[in-house]
Amino acid sequence: MEMTPEKIRHIAELARLQLSGEEEASLARDIDEILAYVESISELDLPPDASRAEILPREWREDQVEPSIARDEMLDNAAETRDGQVVVPPVLPGQEEDA
């Protein structure tokens, strides 16, 4: 399955993202690579009762605490805030905007 510019624009619209042409092309390449990797996994010759977790190698890394964006800075970047929280449009049916 190839990611076309139309599919990328549709996904961006659903996510309410505004992407430049360069970002669309980059995202399409990235998604194509991910889908190719997933397809290569599905082509492995595995016994029907094998668990993927038993067969695929696990590469774990230690958790590392890293600096993050400050709360006030994050809130300054939000389109709308209320009482120290980011306000987003409702996504579930029946939700009210002012809840």
N, C-alpha and C. Protein backbone atom coordinates (compact mmCIF):
# COMPACT_ATOMS: atom_id res chain seq x y z
N MET A 1 0.85 -1.17 0.00
CA MET A 1 0.00 0.00 0.00
C MET A 1 0.90 1.24 0.00
N GLU A 2 0.72 2.05 -0.98
CA GLU A 2 1.54 3.25 -1.11
C GLU A 2 0.78 4.46 -0.57
N MET A 3 1.50 5.28 0.18
CA MET A 3 0.91 6.51 0.70
C MET A 3 0.95 7.57 -0.38
N THR A 4 -0.21 7.95 -0.86
CA THR A 4 -0.29 8.99 -1.89
C THR A 4 -0.44 10.35 -1.21
N PRO A 5 -0.14 11.41 -1.92
CA PRO A 5 -0.36 12.75 -1.35
C PRO A 5 -1.80 12.96 -0.90
N GLU A 6 -2.75 12.38 -1.61
CA GLU A 6 -4.16 12.52 -1.25
C GLU A 6 -4.43 11.86 0.11
N LYS A 7 -3.86 10.67 0.32
CA LYS A 7 -4.06 9.97 1.59
C LYS A 7 -3.41 10.76 2.73
N ILE A 8 -2.23 11.30 2.49
CA ILE A 8 -1.54 12.08 3.51
C ILE A 8 -2.38 13.32 3.86
N ARG A 9 -2.90 14.01 2.86
CA ARG A 9 -3.73 15.19 3.12
C ARG A 9 -4.99 14.81 3.91
N HIS A 10 -5.58 13.66 3.56
CA HIS A 10 -6.78 13.20 4.27
C HIS A 10 -6.45 12.92 5.74
N ILE A 11 -5.35 12.22 5.99
CA ILE A 11 -4.95 11.92 7.37
C ILE A 11 -4.66 13.22 8.12
N ALA A 12 -3.96 14.14 7.47
CA ALA A 12 -3.65 15.43 8.09
C ALA A 12 -4.93 16.19 8.43
N GLU A 13 -5.90 16.14 7.54
CA GLU A 13 -7.17 16.82 7.78
C GLU A 13 -7.89 16.21 8.98
N LEU A 14 -7.89 14.87 9.07
CA LEU A 14 -8.52 14.20 10.21
C LEU A 14 -7.83 14.57 11.52
N ALA A 15 -6.51 14.74 11.45
CA ALA A 15 -5.74 15.09 12.65
C ALA A 15 -5.69 16.60 12.87
N ARG A 16 -6.34 17.33 11.97
CA ARG A 16 -6.35 18.79 12.03
C ARG A 16 -4.93 19.37 11.99
N LEU A 17 -4.13 18.82 11.09
CA LEU A 17 -2.77 19.29 10.89
C LEU A 17 -2.68 20.06 9.59
N GLN A 18 -1.84 21.06 9.58
CA GLN A 18 -1.55 21.78 8.35
C GLN A 18 -0.11 21.45 7.97
N LEU A 19 0.05 20.74 6.86
CA LEU A 19 1.37 20.30 6.43
C LEU A 19 1.77 21.02 5.15
N SER A 20 3.05 21.33 5.06
CA SER A 20 3.57 21.88 3.81
C SER A 20 3.75 20.73 2.82
N GLY A 21 3.97 21.05 1.58
CA GLY A 21 4.21 20.02 0.56
C GLY A 21 5.41 19.15 0.92
N GLU A 22 6.44 19.78 1.46
CA GLU A 22 7.65 19.04 1.86
C GLU A 22 7.35 18.10 3.02
N GLU A 23 6.54 18.57 3.98
CA GLU A 23 6.17 17.71 5.12
C GLU A 23 5.31 16.54 4.65
N GLU A 24 4.40 16.80 3.72
CA GLU A 24 3.57 15.71 3.18
C GLU A 24 4.44 14.64 2.53
N ALA A 25 5.41 15.07 1.72
CA ALA A 25 6.28 14.13 1.02
C ALA A 25 7.12 13.34 2.03
N SER A 26 7.65 14.01 3.03
CA SER A 26 8.46 13.35 4.05
C SER A 26 7.63 12.33 4.83
N LEU A 27 6.43 12.72 5.20
CA LEU A 27 5.55 11.83 5.95
C LEU A 27 5.17 10.62 5.10
N ALA A 28 4.91 10.83 3.83
CA ALA A 28 4.57 9.72 2.93
C ALA A 28 5.72 8.72 2.86
N ARG A 29 6.95 9.22 2.75
CA ARG A 29 8.13 8.32 2.71
C ARG A 29 8.24 7.54 4.02
N ASP A 30 8.07 8.24 5.14
CA ASP A 30 8.18 7.58 6.44
C ASP A 30 7.13 6.49 6.60
N ILE A 31 5.90 6.79 6.25
CA ILE A 31 4.82 5.80 6.39
C ILE A 31 5.05 4.63 5.44
N ASP A 32 5.52 4.90 4.22
CA ASP A 32 5.83 3.81 3.29
C ASP A 32 6.88 2.88 3.87
N GLU A 33 7.91 3.44 4.52
CA GLU A 33 8.95 2.61 5.14
C GLU A 33 8.38 1.76 6.27
N ILE A 34 7.52 2.35 7.08
CA ILE A 34 6.91 1.61 8.20
C ILE A 34 6.05 0.48 7.65
N LEU A 35 5.23 0.77 6.64
CA LEU A 35 4.36 -0.26 6.07
C LEU A 35 5.18 -1.38 5.42
N ALA A 36 6.29 -1.03 4.78
CA ALA A 36 7.15 -2.06 4.18
C ALA A 36 7.74 -2.96 5.26
N TYR A 37 8.13 -2.37 6.39
CA TYR A 37 8.67 -3.17 7.50
C TYR A 37 7.61 -4.11 8.05
N VAL A 38 6.40 -3.59 8.25
CA VAL A 38 5.32 -4.43 8.76
C VAL A 38 5.04 -5.56 7.78
N GLU A 39 5.05 -5.26 6.50
CA GLU A 39 4.81 -6.30 5.50
C GLU A 39 5.91 -7.36 5.54
N SER A 40 7.16 -6.94 5.74
CA SER A 40 8.26 -7.92 5.80
C SER A 40 8.08 -8.84 6.99
N ILE A 41 7.54 -8.33 8.09
CA ILE A 41 7.29 -9.18 9.26
C ILE A 41 6.19 -10.19 8.94
N SER A 42 5.17 -9.75 8.23
CA SER A 42 4.06 -10.65 7.92
C SER A 42 4.47 -11.75 6.94
N GLU A 43 5.58 -11.57 6.25
CA GLU A 43 6.06 -12.57 5.30
C GLU A 43 6.96 -13.62 5.93
N LEU A 44 7.25 -13.51 7.24
CA LEU A 44 8.08 -14.50 7.91
C LEU A 44 7.38 -15.84 7.91
N ASP A 45 8.16 -16.90 7.76
CA ASP A 45 7.63 -18.25 7.76
C ASP A 45 7.54 -18.72 9.21
N LEU A 46 6.39 -18.52 9.81
CA LEU A 46 6.20 -18.83 11.22
C LEU A 46 5.16 -19.93 11.38
N PRO A 47 5.33 -20.75 12.41
CA PRO A 47 4.28 -21.74 12.68
C PRO A 47 2.98 -21.02 13.03
N PRO A 48 1.85 -21.58 12.67
CA PRO A 48 0.57 -20.91 12.88
C PRO A 48 0.26 -20.61 14.35
N ASP A 49 0.80 -21.41 15.28
CA ASP A 49 0.50 -21.19 16.69
C ASP A 49 1.57 -20.37 17.41
N ALA A 50 2.54 -19.86 16.65
CA ALA A 50 3.63 -19.10 17.27
C ALA A 50 3.18 -17.71 17.66
N SER A 51 3.60 -17.31 18.83
CA SER A 51 3.33 -15.95 19.28
C SER A 51 4.40 -15.04 18.71
N ARG A 52 4.01 -13.90 18.18
CA ARG A 52 4.99 -12.96 17.63
C ARG A 52 5.98 -12.52 18.71
N ALA A 53 5.50 -12.39 19.93
CA ALA A 53 6.37 -11.94 21.02
C ALA A 53 7.49 -12.95 21.28
N GLU A 54 7.26 -14.23 21.00
CA GLU A 54 8.28 -15.25 21.23
C GLU A 54 9.32 -15.27 20.13
N ILE A 55 8.98 -14.81 18.95
CA ILE A 55 9.85 -14.95 17.79
C ILE A 55 10.64 -13.69 17.47
N LEU A 56 9.98 -12.55 17.55
CA LEU A 56 10.65 -11.30 17.19
C LEU A 56 11.61 -10.88 18.29
N PRO A 57 12.79 -10.39 17.91
CA PRO A 57 13.75 -9.97 18.93
C PRO A 57 13.25 -8.74 19.67
N ARG A 58 13.61 -8.66 20.93
CA ARG A 58 13.25 -7.50 21.74
C ARG A 58 14.50 -6.70 22.01
N GLU A 59 14.42 -5.43 21.76
CA GLU A 59 15.53 -4.55 22.07
C GLU A 59 15.04 -3.54 23.09
N TRP A 60 15.44 -3.72 24.33
CA TRP A 60 15.02 -2.83 25.40
C TRP A 60 16.10 -1.81 25.67
N ARG A 61 15.71 -0.67 26.09
CA ARG A 61 16.66 0.35 26.50
C ARG A 61 16.26 0.83 27.88
N GLU A 62 17.21 1.32 28.60
CA GLU A 62 16.93 1.88 29.91
C GLU A 62 16.13 3.17 29.74
N ASP A 63 15.18 3.39 30.63
CA ASP A 63 14.47 4.67 30.62
C ASP A 63 15.43 5.77 31.03
N GLN A 64 15.31 6.89 30.35
CA GLN A 64 16.16 8.02 30.66
C GLN A 64 15.29 9.25 30.88
N VAL A 65 15.51 9.90 32.01
CA VAL A 65 14.78 11.13 32.28
C VAL A 65 15.45 12.23 31.49
N GLU A 66 14.67 12.93 30.70
CA GLU A 66 15.20 14.01 29.87
C GLU A 66 14.38 15.27 30.12
N PRO A 67 14.99 16.42 29.93
CA PRO A 67 14.24 17.66 30.13
C PRO A 67 13.07 17.74 29.15
N SER A 68 12.01 18.37 29.63
CA SER A 68 10.82 18.52 28.81
C SER A 68 10.44 19.99 28.76
N ILE A 69 9.46 20.29 27.95
CA ILE A 69 8.99 21.67 27.83
C ILE A 69 8.31 22.07 29.15
N ALA A 70 8.53 23.29 29.58
CA ALA A 70 7.92 23.79 30.80
C ALA A 70 6.41 23.93 30.60
N ARG A 71 5.65 23.69 31.66
CA ARG A 71 4.19 23.75 31.58
C ARG A 71 3.70 25.10 31.04
N ASP A 72 4.25 26.19 31.58
CA ASP A 72 3.81 27.52 31.12
C ASP A 72 4.12 27.73 29.65
N GLU A 73 5.27 27.24 29.21
CA GLU A 73 5.64 27.37 27.79
C GLU A 73 4.69 26.56 26.92
N MET A 74 4.33 25.36 27.37
CA MET A 74 3.40 24.52 26.62
C MET A 74 2.03 25.21 26.53
N LEU A 75 1.58 25.76 27.65
CA LEU A 75 0.27 26.43 27.64
C LEU A 75 0.30 27.68 26.76
N ASP A 76 1.45 28.38 26.71
CA ASP A 76 1.57 29.55 25.84
C ASP A 76 1.44 29.17 24.37
N ASN A 77 1.80 27.93 24.03
CA ASN A 77 1.75 27.47 22.64
C ASN A 77 0.38 26.91 22.26
N ALA A 78 -0.49 26.70 23.23
CA ALA A 78 -1.81 26.14 22.95
C ALA A 78 -2.72 27.21 22.36
N ALA A 79 -3.58 26.79 21.47
CA ALA A 79 -4.53 27.72 20.84
C ALA A 79 -5.51 28.28 21.86
N GLU A 80 -5.93 27.42 22.82
CA GLU A 80 -6.89 27.87 23.84
C GLU A 80 -6.60 27.13 25.14
N THR A 81 -6.65 27.84 26.25
CA THR A 81 -6.47 27.22 27.56
C THR A 81 -7.57 27.69 28.50
N ARG A 82 -7.81 26.88 29.53
CA ARG A 82 -8.79 27.24 30.56
C ARG A 82 -8.34 26.58 31.86
N ASP A 83 -8.21 27.37 32.90
CA ASP A 83 -7.83 26.87 34.22
C ASP A 83 -6.55 26.04 34.19
N GLY A 84 -5.57 26.50 33.41
CA GLY A 84 -4.28 25.82 33.35
C GLY A 84 -4.26 24.54 32.54
N GLN A 85 -5.27 24.34 31.70
CA GLN A 85 -5.33 23.14 30.85
C GLN A 85 -5.61 23.54 29.42
N VAL A 86 -5.18 22.69 28.48
CA VAL A 86 -5.40 22.93 27.06
C VAL A 86 -6.84 22.57 26.72
N VAL A 87 -7.54 23.45 26.02
CA VAL A 87 -8.91 23.20 25.58
C VAL A 87 -8.86 22.65 24.16
N VAL A 88 -9.53 21.53 23.95
CA VAL A 88 -9.61 20.91 22.62
C VAL A 88 -11.07 20.72 22.25
N PRO A 89 -11.37 20.66 20.95
CA PRO A 89 -12.76 20.43 20.55
C PRO A 89 -13.23 19.05 21.00
N PRO A 90 -14.53 18.88 21.25
CA PRO A 90 -15.04 17.56 21.63
C PRO A 90 -14.82 16.57 20.51
N VAL A 91 -14.53 15.33 20.88
CA VAL A 91 -14.30 14.30 19.86
C VAL A 91 -15.29 13.15 19.95
N LEU A 92 -16.03 13.07 21.05
CA LEU A 92 -17.00 11.99 21.20
C LEU A 92 -18.41 12.55 21.04
N PRO A 93 -19.30 11.77 20.42
CA PRO A 93 -20.68 12.23 20.25
C PRO A 93 -21.31 12.55 21.60
N GLY A 94 -22.08 13.62 21.65
CA GLY A 94 -22.80 13.97 22.85
C GLY A 94 -22.04 14.85 23.80
N GLN A 95 -20.78 15.13 23.51
CA GLN A 95 -20.03 16.02 24.39
C GLN A 95 -20.38 17.46 24.07
N GLU A 96 -20.39 18.27 25.11
CA GLU A 96 -20.66 19.68 24.91
C GLU A 96 -19.34 20.43 24.87
N GLU A 97 -19.27 21.50 24.09
CA GLU A 97 -18.05 22.28 23.98
C GLU A 97 -17.66 22.95 25.27
N ASP A 98 -18.61 23.37 26.08
CA ASP A 98 -18.30 24.12 27.30
C ASP A 98 -18.22 23.25 28.53
N ALA A 99 -18.16 21.92 28.36
CA ALA A 99 -18.12 21.01 29.53
C ALA A 99 -16.81 21.09 30.24
